[in-house]
Amino acid sequence: MAVAGVHNIDLANSIYGATGSSDVTTKKDNVSFDNLFDSAVNMYKETDALQDAAEESEMNFALGYSTSVHDLAIAQQKANISLQYTVKVTNKALEAYKELMNMQI
């Protein structure tokens, strides 16, 4: 399992930590938002692919094409951890969005 999502979060932290500006209309901030959005979409795609791989492993095991219980357990665990991570990141993003919407101007 590639852990590209973690590296993308480090990239996002370095971008936001390095800029420190509140001007969201600059080209640099728009590019960083695009990168952050693309990494979020890729995280969802990776989670979906791991879920599909786990389901395929289950079907292969059930049909007798594979006899390795270890491969089945590993595929299921990867899918489970990826899904939990994706849900937590999504919840934090929604929490941040709600906090921004509740701010008084």
PDB file of N, CA and C in Angstrom:
ATOM      1  N   MET A   1       0.847  -1.176   0.000  1.00  0.00           N
ATOM      2  CA  MET A   1       0.000   0.000   0.000  1.00  0.00           C
ATOM      3  C   MET A   1       0.887   1.233   0.000  1.00  0.00           C
ATOM      4  N   ALA A   2       0.677   2.067  -0.959  1.00  0.00           N
ATOM      5  CA  ALA A   2       1.409   3.330  -1.015  1.00  0.00           C
ATOM      6  C   ALA A   2       0.771   4.312  -0.040  1.00  0.00           C
ATOM      7  N   VAL A   3       1.579   5.043   0.674  1.00  0.00           N
ATOM      8  CA  VAL A   3       1.085   5.984   1.666  1.00  0.00           C
ATOM      9  C   VAL A   3       1.268   7.395   1.122  1.00  0.00           C
ATOM     10  N   ALA A   4       0.800   7.592  -0.088  1.00  0.00           N
ATOM     11  CA  ALA A   4       0.954   8.889  -0.749  1.00  0.00           C
ATOM     12  C   ALA A   4       0.159   9.972  -0.030  1.00  0.00           C
ATOM     13  N   GLY A   5      -0.952   9.601   0.596  1.00  0.00           N
ATOM     14  CA  GLY A   5      -1.767  10.594   1.276  1.00  0.00           C
ATOM     15  C   GLY A   5      -1.037  11.297   2.405  1.00  0.00           C
ATOM     16  N   VAL A   6      -0.218  10.573   3.128  1.00  0.00           N
ATOM     17  CA  VAL A   6       0.519  11.164   4.245  1.00  0.00           C
ATOM     18  C   VAL A   6       1.527  12.179   3.726  1.00  0.00           C
ATOM     19  N   HIS A   7       2.197  11.847   2.626  1.00  0.00           N
ATOM     20  CA  HIS A   7       3.163  12.775   2.058  1.00  0.00           C
ATOM     21  C   HIS A   7       2.470  14.030   1.551  1.00  0.00           C
ATOM     22  N   ASN A   8       1.264  13.874   1.003  1.00  0.00           N
ATOM     23  CA  ASN A   8       0.532  15.034   0.512  1.00  0.00           C
ATOM     24  C   ASN A   8       0.098  15.936   1.662  1.00  0.00           C
ATOM     25  N   ILE A   9      -0.194  15.361   2.802  1.00  0.00           N
ATOM     26  CA  ILE A   9      -0.548  16.176   3.969  1.00  0.00           C
ATOM     27  C   ILE A   9       0.679  16.944   4.447  1.00  0.00           C
ATOM     28  N   ASP A  10       1.846  16.287   4.438  1.00  0.00           N
ATOM     29  CA  ASP A  10       3.071  17.000   4.792  1.00  0.00           C
ATOM     30  C   ASP A  10       3.319  18.147   3.831  1.00  0.00           C
ATOM     31  N   LEU A  11       3.035  17.919   2.551  1.00  0.00           N
ATOM     32  CA  LEU A  11       3.189  18.981   1.551  1.00  0.00           C
ATOM     33  C   LEU A  11       2.227  20.120   1.854  1.00  0.00           C
ATOM     34  N   ALA A  12       0.987  19.791   2.191  1.00  0.00           N
ATOM     35  CA  ALA A  12       0.007  20.827   2.498  1.00  0.00           C
ATOM     36  C   ALA A  12       0.412  21.612   3.739  1.00  0.00           C
ATOM     37  N   ASN A  13       0.910  20.924   4.765  1.00  0.00           N
ATOM     38  CA  ASN A  13       1.353  21.616   5.970  1.00  0.00           C
ATOM     39  C   ASN A  13       2.516  22.542   5.680  1.00  0.00           C
ATOM     40  N   SER A  14       3.437  22.088   4.825  1.00  0.00           N
ATOM     41  CA  SER A  14       4.577  22.951   4.506  1.00  0.00           C
ATOM     42  C   SER A  14       4.138  24.147   3.680  1.00  0.00           C
ATOM     43  N   ILE A  15       3.152  23.969   2.813  1.00  0.00           N
ATOM     44  CA  ILE A  15       2.665  25.083   2.004  1.00  0.00           C
ATOM     45  C   ILE A  15       1.985  26.118   2.888  1.00  0.00           C
ATOM     46  N   TYR A  16       1.081  25.669   3.762  1.00  0.00           N
ATOM     47  CA  TYR A  16       0.366  26.615   4.607  1.00  0.00           C
ATOM     48  C   TYR A  16       1.256  27.215   5.677  1.00  0.00           C
ATOM     49  N   GLY A  17       2.217  26.447   6.152  1.00  0.00           N
ATOM     50  CA  GLY A  17       3.142  26.974   7.148  1.00  0.00           C
ATOM     51  C   GLY A  17       4.097  27.978   6.536  1.00  0.00           C
ATOM     52  N   ALA A  18       4.463  27.766   5.271  1.00  0.00           N
ATOM     53  CA  ALA A  18       5.431  28.640   4.611  1.00  0.00           C
ATOM     54  C   ALA A  18       4.806  29.939   4.149  1.00  0.00           C
ATOM     55  N   THR A  19       3.542  29.903   3.712  1.00  0.00           N
ATOM     56  CA  THR A  19       2.946  31.127   3.170  1.00  0.00           C
ATOM     57  C   THR A  19       2.571  32.083   4.283  1.00  0.00           C
ATOM     58  N   GLY A  20       1.783  31.631   5.211  1.00  0.00           N
ATOM     59  CA  GLY A  20       1.387  32.452   6.340  1.00  0.00           C
ATOM     60  C   GLY A  20       0.570  33.668   5.959  1.00  0.00           C
ATOM     61  N   SER A  21       0.149  33.789   4.704  1.00  0.00           N
ATOM     62  CA  SER A  21      -0.612  34.967   4.308  1.00  0.00           C
ATOM     63  C   SER A  21      -2.094  34.651   4.331  1.00  0.00           C
ATOM     64  N   SER A  22      -2.879  35.675   4.548  1.00  0.00           N
ATOM     65  CA  SER A  22      -4.318  35.483   4.576  1.00  0.00           C
ATOM     66  C   SER A  22      -4.955  35.886   3.261  1.00  0.00           C
ATOM     67  N   ASP A  23      -4.153  36.290   2.273  1.00  0.00           N
ATOM     68  CA  ASP A  23      -4.668  36.695   0.969  1.00  0.00           C
ATOM     69  C   ASP A  23      -4.898  35.451   0.133  1.00  0.00           C
ATOM     70  N   VAL A  24      -6.180  35.093  -0.060  1.00  0.00           N
ATOM     71  CA  VAL A  24      -6.506  33.870  -0.769  1.00  0.00           C
ATOM     72  C   VAL A  24      -6.645  34.075  -2.269  1.00  0.00           C
ATOM     73  N   THR A  25      -6.420  35.265  -2.765  1.00  0.00           N
ATOM     74  CA  THR A  25      -6.595  35.514  -4.187  1.00  0.00           C
ATOM     75  C   THR A  25      -5.287  35.455  -4.957  1.00  0.00           C
ATOM     76  N   THR A  26      -4.178  35.208  -4.287  1.00  0.00           N
ATOM     77  CA  THR A  26      -2.904  35.141  -4.990  1.00  0.00           C
ATOM     78  C   THR A  26      -2.800  33.851  -5.775  1.00  0.00           C
ATOM     79  N   LYS A  27      -2.012  33.855  -6.812  1.00  0.00           N
ATOM     80  CA  LYS A  27      -1.851  32.676  -7.663  1.00  0.00           C
ATOM     81  C   LYS A  27      -1.224  31.526  -6.889  1.00  0.00           C
ATOM     82  N   LYS A  28      -0.285  31.818  -5.991  1.00  0.00           N
ATOM     83  CA  LYS A  28       0.383  30.763  -5.226  1.00  0.00           C
ATOM     84  C   LYS A  28      -0.615  30.024  -4.342  1.00  0.00           C
ATOM     85  N   ASP A  29      -1.543  30.746  -3.710  1.00  0.00           N
ATOM     86  CA  ASP A  29      -2.539  30.099  -2.865  1.00  0.00           C
ATOM     87  C   ASP A  29      -3.508  29.273  -3.691  1.00  0.00           C
ATOM     88  N   ASN A  30      -3.867  29.748  -4.884  1.00  0.00           N
ATOM     89  CA  ASN A  30      -4.765  28.980  -5.738  1.00  0.00           C
ATOM     90  C   ASN A  30      -4.108  27.682  -6.181  1.00  0.00           C
ATOM     91  N   VAL A  31      -2.832  27.733  -6.492  1.00  0.00           N
ATOM     92  CA  VAL A  31      -2.113  26.527  -6.886  1.00  0.00           C
ATOM     93  C   VAL A  31      -2.038  25.558  -5.706  1.00  0.00           C
ATOM     94  N   SER A  32      -1.781  26.060  -4.514  1.00  0.00           N
ATOM     95  CA  SER A  32      -1.697  25.171  -3.367  1.00  0.00           C
ATOM     96  C   SER A  32      -3.061  24.554  -3.049  1.00  0.00           C
ATOM     97  N   PHE A  33      -4.152  25.301  -3.253  1.00  0.00           N
ATOM     98  CA  PHE A  33      -5.474  24.729  -3.042  1.00  0.00           C
ATOM     99  C   PHE A  33      -5.740  23.652  -4.082  1.00  0.00           C
ATOM    100  N   ASP A  34      -5.337  23.890  -5.316  1.00  0.00           N
ATOM    101  CA  ASP A  34      -5.505  22.871  -6.354  1.00  0.00           C
ATOM    102  C   ASP A  34      -4.744  21.605  -6.000  1.00  0.00           C
ATOM    103  N   ASN A  35      -3.537  21.760  -5.508  1.00  0.00           N
ATOM    104  CA  ASN A  35      -2.744  20.588  -5.106  1.00  0.00           C
ATOM    105  C   ASN A  35      -3.400  19.849  -3.954  1.00  0.00           C
ATOM    106  N   LEU A  36      -3.913  20.603  -2.991  1.00  0.00           N
ATOM    107  CA  LEU A  36      -4.584  19.992  -1.849  1.00  0.00           C
ATOM    108  C   LEU A  36      -5.854  19.267  -2.281  1.00  0.00           C
ATOM    109  N   PHE A  37      -6.610  19.880  -3.183  1.00  0.00           N
ATOM    110  CA  PHE A  37      -7.833  19.264  -3.678  1.00  0.00           C
ATOM    111  C   PHE A  37      -7.519  18.002  -4.476  1.00  0.00           C
ATOM    112  N   ASP A  38      -6.496  18.067  -5.321  1.00  0.00           N
ATOM    113  CA  ASP A  38      -6.099  16.898  -6.102  1.00  0.00           C
ATOM    114  C   ASP A  38      -5.645  15.753  -5.200  1.00  0.00           C
ATOM    115  N   SER A  39      -4.924  16.076  -4.139  1.00  0.00           N
ATOM    116  CA  SER A  39      -4.484  15.021  -3.220  1.00  0.00           C
ATOM    117  C   SER A  39      -5.679  14.406  -2.487  1.00  0.00           C
ATOM    118  N   ALA A  40      -6.700  15.211  -2.191  1.00  0.00           N
ATOM    119  CA  ALA A  40      -7.899  14.672  -1.541  1.00  0.00           C
ATOM    120  C   ALA A  40      -8.648  13.739  -2.489  1.00  0.00           C
ATOM    121  N   VAL A  41      -8.760  14.125  -3.750  1.00  0.00           N
ATOM    122  CA  VAL A  41      -9.428  13.269  -4.737  1.00  0.00           C
ATOM    123  C   VAL A  41      -8.644  11.974  -4.913  1.00  0.00           C
ATOM    124  N   ASN A  42      -7.321  12.077  -4.971  1.00  0.00           N
ATOM    125  CA  ASN A  42      -6.494  10.876  -5.107  1.00  0.00           C
ATOM    126  C   ASN A  42      -6.624   9.968  -3.885  1.00  0.00           C
ATOM    127  N   MET A  43      -6.800  10.571  -2.701  1.00  0.00           N
ATOM    128  CA  MET A  43      -6.979   9.781  -1.489  1.00  0.00           C
ATOM    129  C   MET A  43      -8.272   8.970  -1.589  1.00  0.00           C
ATOM    130  N   TYR A  44      -9.354   9.584  -2.094  1.00  0.00           N
ATOM    131  CA  TYR A  44     -10.609   8.864  -2.264  1.00  0.00           C
ATOM    132  C   TYR A  44     -10.469   7.748  -3.291  1.00  0.00           C
ATOM    133  N   LYS A  45      -9.746   8.027  -4.385  1.00  0.00           N
ATOM    134  CA  LYS A  45      -9.545   7.008  -5.412  1.00  0.00           C
ATOM    135  C   LYS A  45      -8.723   5.834  -4.881  1.00  0.00           C
ATOM    136  N   GLU A  46      -7.698   6.138  -4.096  1.00  0.00           N
ATOM    137  CA  GLU A  46      -6.871   5.082  -3.516  1.00  0.00           C
ATOM    138  C   GLU A  46      -7.678   4.232  -2.538  1.00  0.00           C
ATOM    139  N   THR A  47      -8.514   4.878  -1.737  1.00  0.00           N
ATOM    140  CA  THR A  47      -9.358   4.145  -0.793  1.00  0.00           C
ATOM    141  C   THR A  47     -10.330   3.238  -1.541  1.00  0.00           C
ATOM    142  N   ASP A  48     -10.907   3.756  -2.611  1.00  0.00           N
ATOM    143  CA  ASP A  48     -11.831   2.957  -3.409  1.00  0.00           C
ATOM    144  C   ASP A  48     -11.122   1.766  -4.040  1.00  0.00           C
ATOM    145  N   ALA A  49      -9.908   1.981  -4.534  1.00  0.00           N
ATOM    146  CA  ALA A  49      -9.152   0.885  -5.137  1.00  0.00           C
ATOM    147  C   ALA A  49      -8.814  -0.186  -4.101  1.00  0.00           C
ATOM    148  N   LEU A  50      -8.467   0.234  -2.887  1.00  0.00           N
ATOM    149  CA  LEU A  50      -8.169  -0.751  -1.832  1.00  0.00           C
ATOM    150  C   LEU A  50      -9.419  -1.514  -1.414  1.00  0.00           C
ATOM    151  N   GLN A  51     -10.561  -0.839  -1.391  1.00  0.00           N
ATOM    152  CA  GLN A  51     -11.820  -1.526  -1.080  1.00  0.00           C
ATOM    153  C   GLN A  51     -12.137  -2.555  -2.160  1.00  0.00           C
ATOM    154  N   ASP A  52     -11.918  -2.185  -3.430  1.00  0.00           N
ATOM    155  CA  ASP A  52     -12.158  -3.121  -4.532  1.00  0.00           C
ATOM    156  C   ASP A  52     -11.213  -4.319  -4.456  1.00  0.00           C
ATOM    157  N   ALA A  53      -9.945  -4.058  -4.120  1.00  0.00           N
ATOM    158  CA  ALA A  53      -8.966  -5.145  -4.005  1.00  0.00           C
ATOM    159  C   ALA A  53      -9.341  -6.104  -2.877  1.00  0.00           C
ATOM    160  N   ALA A  54      -9.820  -5.567  -1.760  1.00  0.00           N
ATOM    161  CA  ALA A  54     -10.234  -6.419  -0.642  1.00  0.00           C
ATOM    162  C   ALA A  54     -11.445  -7.259  -1.026  1.00  0.00           C
ATOM    163  N   GLU A  55     -12.370  -6.654  -1.739  1.00  0.00           N
ATOM    164  CA  GLU A  55     -13.555  -7.399  -2.182  1.00  0.00           C
ATOM    165  C   GLU A  55     -13.167  -8.499  -3.173  1.00  0.00           C
ATOM    166  N   GLU A  56     -12.232  -8.192  -4.061  1.00  0.00           N
ATOM    167  CA  GLU A  56     -11.767  -9.196  -5.018  1.00  0.00           C
ATOM    168  C   GLU A  56     -11.053 -10.343  -4.297  1.00  0.00           C
ATOM    169  N   SER A  57     -10.264 -10.012  -3.278  1.00  0.00           N
ATOM    170  CA  SER A  57      -9.585 -11.051  -2.497  1.00  0.00           C
ATOM    171  C   SER A  57     -10.587 -11.942  -1.779  1.00  0.00           C
ATOM    172  N   GLU A  58     -11.654 -11.329  -1.262  1.00  0.00           N
ATOM    173  CA  GLU A  58     -12.699 -12.117  -0.598  1.00  0.00           C
ATOM    174  C   GLU A  58     -13.370 -13.071  -1.577  1.00  0.00           C
ATOM    175  N   MET A  59     -13.667 -12.565  -2.776  1.00  0.00           N
ATOM    176  CA  MET A  59     -14.322 -13.414  -3.784  1.00  0.00           C
ATOM    177  C   MET A  59     -13.405 -14.560  -4.219  1.00  0.00           C
ATOM    178  N   ASN A  60     -12.123 -14.242  -4.429  1.00  0.00           N
ATOM    179  CA  ASN A  60     -11.173 -15.288  -4.818  1.00  0.00           C
ATOM    180  C   ASN A  60     -11.033 -16.346  -3.735  1.00  0.00           C
ATOM    181  N   PHE A  61     -11.022 -15.922  -2.483  1.00  0.00           N
ATOM    182  CA  PHE A  61     -10.927 -16.874  -1.375  1.00  0.00           C
ATOM    183  C   PHE A  61     -12.195 -17.715  -1.276  1.00  0.00           C
ATOM    184  N   ALA A  62     -13.347 -17.067  -1.439  1.00  0.00           N
ATOM    185  CA  ALA A  62     -14.617 -17.789  -1.331  1.00  0.00           C
ATOM    186  C   ALA A  62     -14.789 -18.803  -2.463  1.00  0.00           C
ATOM    187  N   LEU A  63     -14.288 -18.466  -3.655  1.00  0.00           N
ATOM    188  CA  LEU A  63     -14.425 -19.369  -4.791  1.00  0.00           C
ATOM    189  C   LEU A  63     -13.325 -20.427  -4.841  1.00  0.00           C
ATOM    190  N   GLY A  64     -12.343 -20.324  -3.962  1.00  0.00           N
ATOM    191  CA  GLY A  64     -11.284 -21.311  -3.899  1.00  0.00           C
ATOM    192  C   GLY A  64     -10.099 -21.032  -4.807  1.00  0.00           C
ATOM    193  N   TYR A  65     -10.089 -19.859  -5.463  1.00  0.00           N
ATOM    194  CA  TYR A  65      -8.958 -19.513  -6.326  1.00  0.00           C
ATOM    195  C   TYR A  65      -7.718 -19.175  -5.512  1.00  0.00           C
ATOM    196  N   SER A  66      -7.921 -18.723  -4.313  1.00  0.00           N
ATOM    197  CA  SER A  66      -6.816 -18.379  -3.425  1.00  0.00           C
ATOM    198  C   SER A  66      -7.028 -19.089  -2.100  1.00  0.00           C
ATOM    199  N   THR A  67      -5.951 -19.648  -1.557  1.00  0.00           N
ATOM    200  CA  THR A  67      -6.059 -20.332  -0.269  1.00  0.00           C
ATOM    201  C   THR A  67      -5.285 -19.594   0.816  1.00  0.00           C
ATOM    202  N   SER A  68      -4.765 -18.432   0.496  1.00  0.00           N
ATOM    203  CA  SER A  68      -3.962 -17.692   1.452  1.00  0.00           C
ATOM    204  C   SER A  68      -4.847 -16.794   2.319  1.00  0.00           C
ATOM    205  N   VAL A  69      -5.004 -17.203   3.555  1.00  0.00           N
ATOM    206  CA  VAL A  69      -5.778 -16.403   4.504  1.00  0.00           C
ATOM    207  C   VAL A  69      -5.025 -15.115   4.836  1.00  0.00           C
ATOM    208  N   HIS A  70      -3.707 -15.184   4.785  1.00  0.00           N
ATOM    209  CA  HIS A  70      -2.893 -14.017   5.118  1.00  0.00           C
ATOM    210  C   HIS A  70      -3.094 -12.896   4.105  1.00  0.00           C
ATOM    211  N   ASP A  71      -3.104 -13.243   2.813  1.00  0.00           N
ATOM    212  CA  ASP A  71      -3.325 -12.225   1.779  1.00  0.00           C
ATOM    213  C   ASP A  71      -4.706 -11.595   1.925  1.00  0.00           C
ATOM    214  N   LEU A  72      -5.687 -12.408   2.250  1.00  0.00           N
ATOM    215  CA  LEU A  72      -7.042 -11.903   2.457  1.00  0.00           C
ATOM    216  C   LEU A  72      -7.083 -10.941   3.640  1.00  0.00           C
ATOM    217  N   ALA A  73      -6.470 -11.327   4.742  1.00  0.00           N
ATOM    218  CA  ALA A  73      -6.465 -10.472   5.938  1.00  0.00           C
ATOM    219  C   ALA A  73      -5.711  -9.170   5.684  1.00  0.00           C
ATOM    220  N   ILE A  74      -4.610  -9.249   4.949  1.00  0.00           N
ATOM    221  CA  ILE A  74      -3.827  -8.039   4.653  1.00  0.00           C
ATOM    222  C   ILE A  74      -4.629  -7.089   3.781  1.00  0.00           C
ATOM    223  N   ALA A  75      -5.296  -7.609   2.757  1.00  0.00           N
ATOM    224  CA  ALA A  75      -6.099  -6.758   1.874  1.00  0.00           C
ATOM    225  C   ALA A  75      -7.242  -6.100   2.643  1.00  0.00           C
ATOM    226  N   GLN A  76      -7.881  -6.852   3.522  1.00  0.00           N
ATOM    227  CA  GLN A  76      -8.976  -6.294   4.313  1.00  0.00           C
ATOM    228  C   GLN A  76      -8.476  -5.237   5.283  1.00  0.00           C
ATOM    229  N   GLN A  77      -7.326  -5.471   5.895  1.00  0.00           N
ATOM    230  CA  GLN A  77      -6.779  -4.508   6.856  1.00  0.00           C
ATOM    231  C   GLN A  77      -6.352  -3.216   6.156  1.00  0.00           C
ATOM    232  N   LYS A  78      -5.730  -3.343   4.986  1.00  0.00           N
ATOM    233  CA  LYS A  78      -5.355  -2.153   4.218  1.00  0.00           C
ATOM    234  C   LYS A  78      -6.580  -1.315   3.874  1.00  0.00           C
ATOM    235  N   ALA A  79      -7.626  -1.981   3.408  1.00  0.00           N
ATOM    236  CA  ALA A  79      -8.855  -1.279   3.044  1.00  0.00           C
ATOM    237  C   ALA A  79      -9.482  -0.618   4.264  1.00  0.00           C
ATOM    238  N   ASN A  80      -9.483  -1.311   5.391  1.00  0.00           N
ATOM    239  CA  ASN A  80     -10.072  -0.774   6.618  1.00  0.00           C
ATOM    240  C   ASN A  80      -9.315   0.456   7.115  1.00  0.00           C
ATOM    241  N   ILE A  81      -7.996   0.373   7.158  1.00  0.00           N
ATOM    242  CA  ILE A  81      -7.187   1.501   7.634  1.00  0.00           C
ATOM    243  C   ILE A  81      -7.327   2.695   6.693  1.00  0.00           C
ATOM    244  N   SER A  82      -7.319   2.430   5.396  1.00  0.00           N
ATOM    245  CA  SER A  82      -7.470   3.506   4.422  1.00  0.00           C
ATOM    246  C   SER A  82      -8.828   4.194   4.566  1.00  0.00           C
ATOM    247  N   LEU A  83      -9.871   3.405   4.770  1.00  0.00           N
ATOM    248  CA  LEU A  83     -11.205   3.978   4.939  1.00  0.00           C
ATOM    249  C   LEU A  83     -11.297   4.806   6.217  1.00  0.00           C
ATOM    250  N   GLN A  84     -10.744   4.303   7.312  1.00  0.00           N
ATOM    251  CA  GLN A  84     -10.764   5.063   8.568  1.00  0.00           C
ATOM    252  C   GLN A  84     -10.020   6.388   8.421  1.00  0.00           C
ATOM    253  N   TYR A  85      -8.870   6.360   7.757  1.00  0.00           N
ATOM    254  CA  TYR A  85      -8.076   7.572   7.546  1.00  0.00           C
ATOM    255  C   TYR A  85      -8.851   8.577   6.694  1.00  0.00           C
ATOM    256  N   THR A  86      -9.469   8.096   5.631  1.00  0.00           N
ATOM    257  CA  THR A  86     -10.227   8.967   4.740  1.00  0.00           C
ATOM    258  C   THR A  86     -11.406   9.605   5.472  1.00  0.00           C
ATOM    259  N   VAL A  87     -12.096   8.831   6.274  1.00  0.00           N
ATOM    260  CA  VAL A  87     -13.243   9.361   7.024  1.00  0.00           C
ATOM    261  C   VAL A  87     -12.781  10.424   8.025  1.00  0.00           C
ATOM    262  N   LYS A  88     -11.670  10.182   8.705  1.00  0.00           N
ATOM    263  CA  LYS A  88     -11.183  11.162   9.687  1.00  0.00           C
ATOM    264  C   LYS A  88     -10.740  12.455   9.020  1.00  0.00           C
ATOM    265  N   VAL A  89     -10.058  12.351   7.881  1.00  0.00           N
ATOM    266  CA  VAL A  89      -9.631  13.553   7.165  1.00  0.00           C
ATOM    267  C   VAL A  89     -10.845  14.327   6.665  1.00  0.00           C
ATOM    268  N   THR A  90     -11.844  13.605   6.150  1.00  0.00           N
ATOM    269  CA  THR A  90     -13.065  14.254   5.672  1.00  0.00           C
ATOM    270  C   THR A  90     -13.794  14.957   6.811  1.00  0.00           C
ATOM    271  N   ASN A  91     -13.896  14.299   7.951  1.00  0.00           N
ATOM    272  CA  ASN A  91     -14.569  14.913   9.095  1.00  0.00           C
ATOM    273  C   ASN A  91     -13.849  16.168   9.570  1.00  0.00           C
ATOM    274  N   LYS A  92     -12.520  16.141   9.587  1.00  0.00           N
ATOM    275  CA  LYS A  92     -11.761  17.328   9.998  1.00  0.00           C
ATOM    276  C   LYS A  92     -11.939  18.461   8.990  1.00  0.00           C
ATOM    277  N   ALA A  93     -11.975  18.134   7.704  1.00  0.00           N
ATOM    278  CA  ALA A  93     -12.173  19.166   6.684  1.00  0.00           C
ATOM    279  C   ALA A  93     -13.566  19.786   6.821  1.00  0.00           C
ATOM    280  N   LEU A  94     -14.574  18.979   7.061  1.00  0.00           N
ATOM    281  CA  LEU A  94     -15.926  19.511   7.252  1.00  0.00           C
ATOM    282  C   LEU A  94     -16.020  20.341   8.526  1.00  0.00           C
ATOM    283  N   GLU A  95     -15.347  19.905   9.560  1.00  0.00           N
ATOM    284  CA  GLU A  95     -15.328  20.662  10.814  1.00  0.00           C
ATOM    285  C   GLU A  95     -14.684  22.042  10.603  1.00  0.00           C
ATOM    286  N   ALA A  96     -13.584  22.069   9.851  1.00  0.00           N
ATOM    287  CA  ALA A  96     -12.915  23.341   9.556  1.00  0.00           C
ATOM    288  C   ALA A  96     -13.802  24.239   8.703  1.00  0.00           C
ATOM    289  N   TYR A  97     -14.494  23.649   7.732  1.00  0.00           N
ATOM    290  CA  TYR A  97     -15.405  24.419   6.880  1.00  0.00           C
ATOM    291  C   TYR A  97     -16.538  25.025   7.706  1.00  0.00           C
ATOM    292  N   LYS A  98     -17.122  24.232   8.595  1.00  0.00           N
ATOM    293  CA  LYS A  98     -18.208  24.739   9.439  1.00  0.00           C
ATOM    294  C   LYS A  98     -17.729  25.858  10.348  1.00  0.00           C
ATOM    295  N   GLU A  99     -16.515  25.720  10.863  1.00  0.00           N
ATOM    296  CA  GLU A  99     -15.946  26.763  11.713  1.00  0.00           C
ATOM    297  C   GLU A  99     -15.755  28.055  10.921  1.00  0.00           C
ATOM    298  N   LEU A 100     -15.287  27.942   9.711  1.00  0.00           N
ATOM    299  CA  LEU A 100     -15.117  29.126   8.859  1.00  0.00           C
ATOM    300  C   LEU A 100     -16.462  29.785   8.546  1.00  0.00           C
ATOM    301  N   MET A 101     -17.478  28.984   8.321  1.00  0.00           N
ATOM    302  CA  MET A 101     -18.796  29.536   7.994  1.00  0.00           C
ATOM    303  C   MET A 101     -19.441  30.209   9.203  1.00  0.00           C
ATOM    304  N   ASN A 102     -19.070  29.813  10.400  1.00  0.00           N
ATOM    305  CA  ASN A 102     -19.642  30.407  11.598  1.00  0.00           C
ATOM    306  C   ASN A 102     -18.918  31.678  12.055  1.00  0.00           C
ATOM    307  N   MET A 103     -17.815  32.019  11.391  1.00  0.00           N
ATOM    308  CA  MET A 103     -17.066  33.216  11.789  1.00  0.00           C
ATOM    309  C   MET A 103     -17.832  34.489  11.437  1.00  0.00           C
ATOM    310  N   GLN A 104     -17.738  35.442  12.318  1.00  0.00           N
ATOM    311  CA  GLN A 104     -18.359  36.752  12.080  1.00  0.00           C
ATOM    312  C   GLN A 104     -17.361  37.645  11.346  1.00  0.00           C
ATOM    313  N   ILE A 105     -17.856  38.361  10.367  1.00  0.00           N
ATOM    314  CA  ILE A 105     -16.961  39.262   9.611  1.00  0.00           C
ATOM    315  C   ILE A 105     -17.109  40.678  10.118  1.00  0.00           C
TER     316      ILE A 105
END
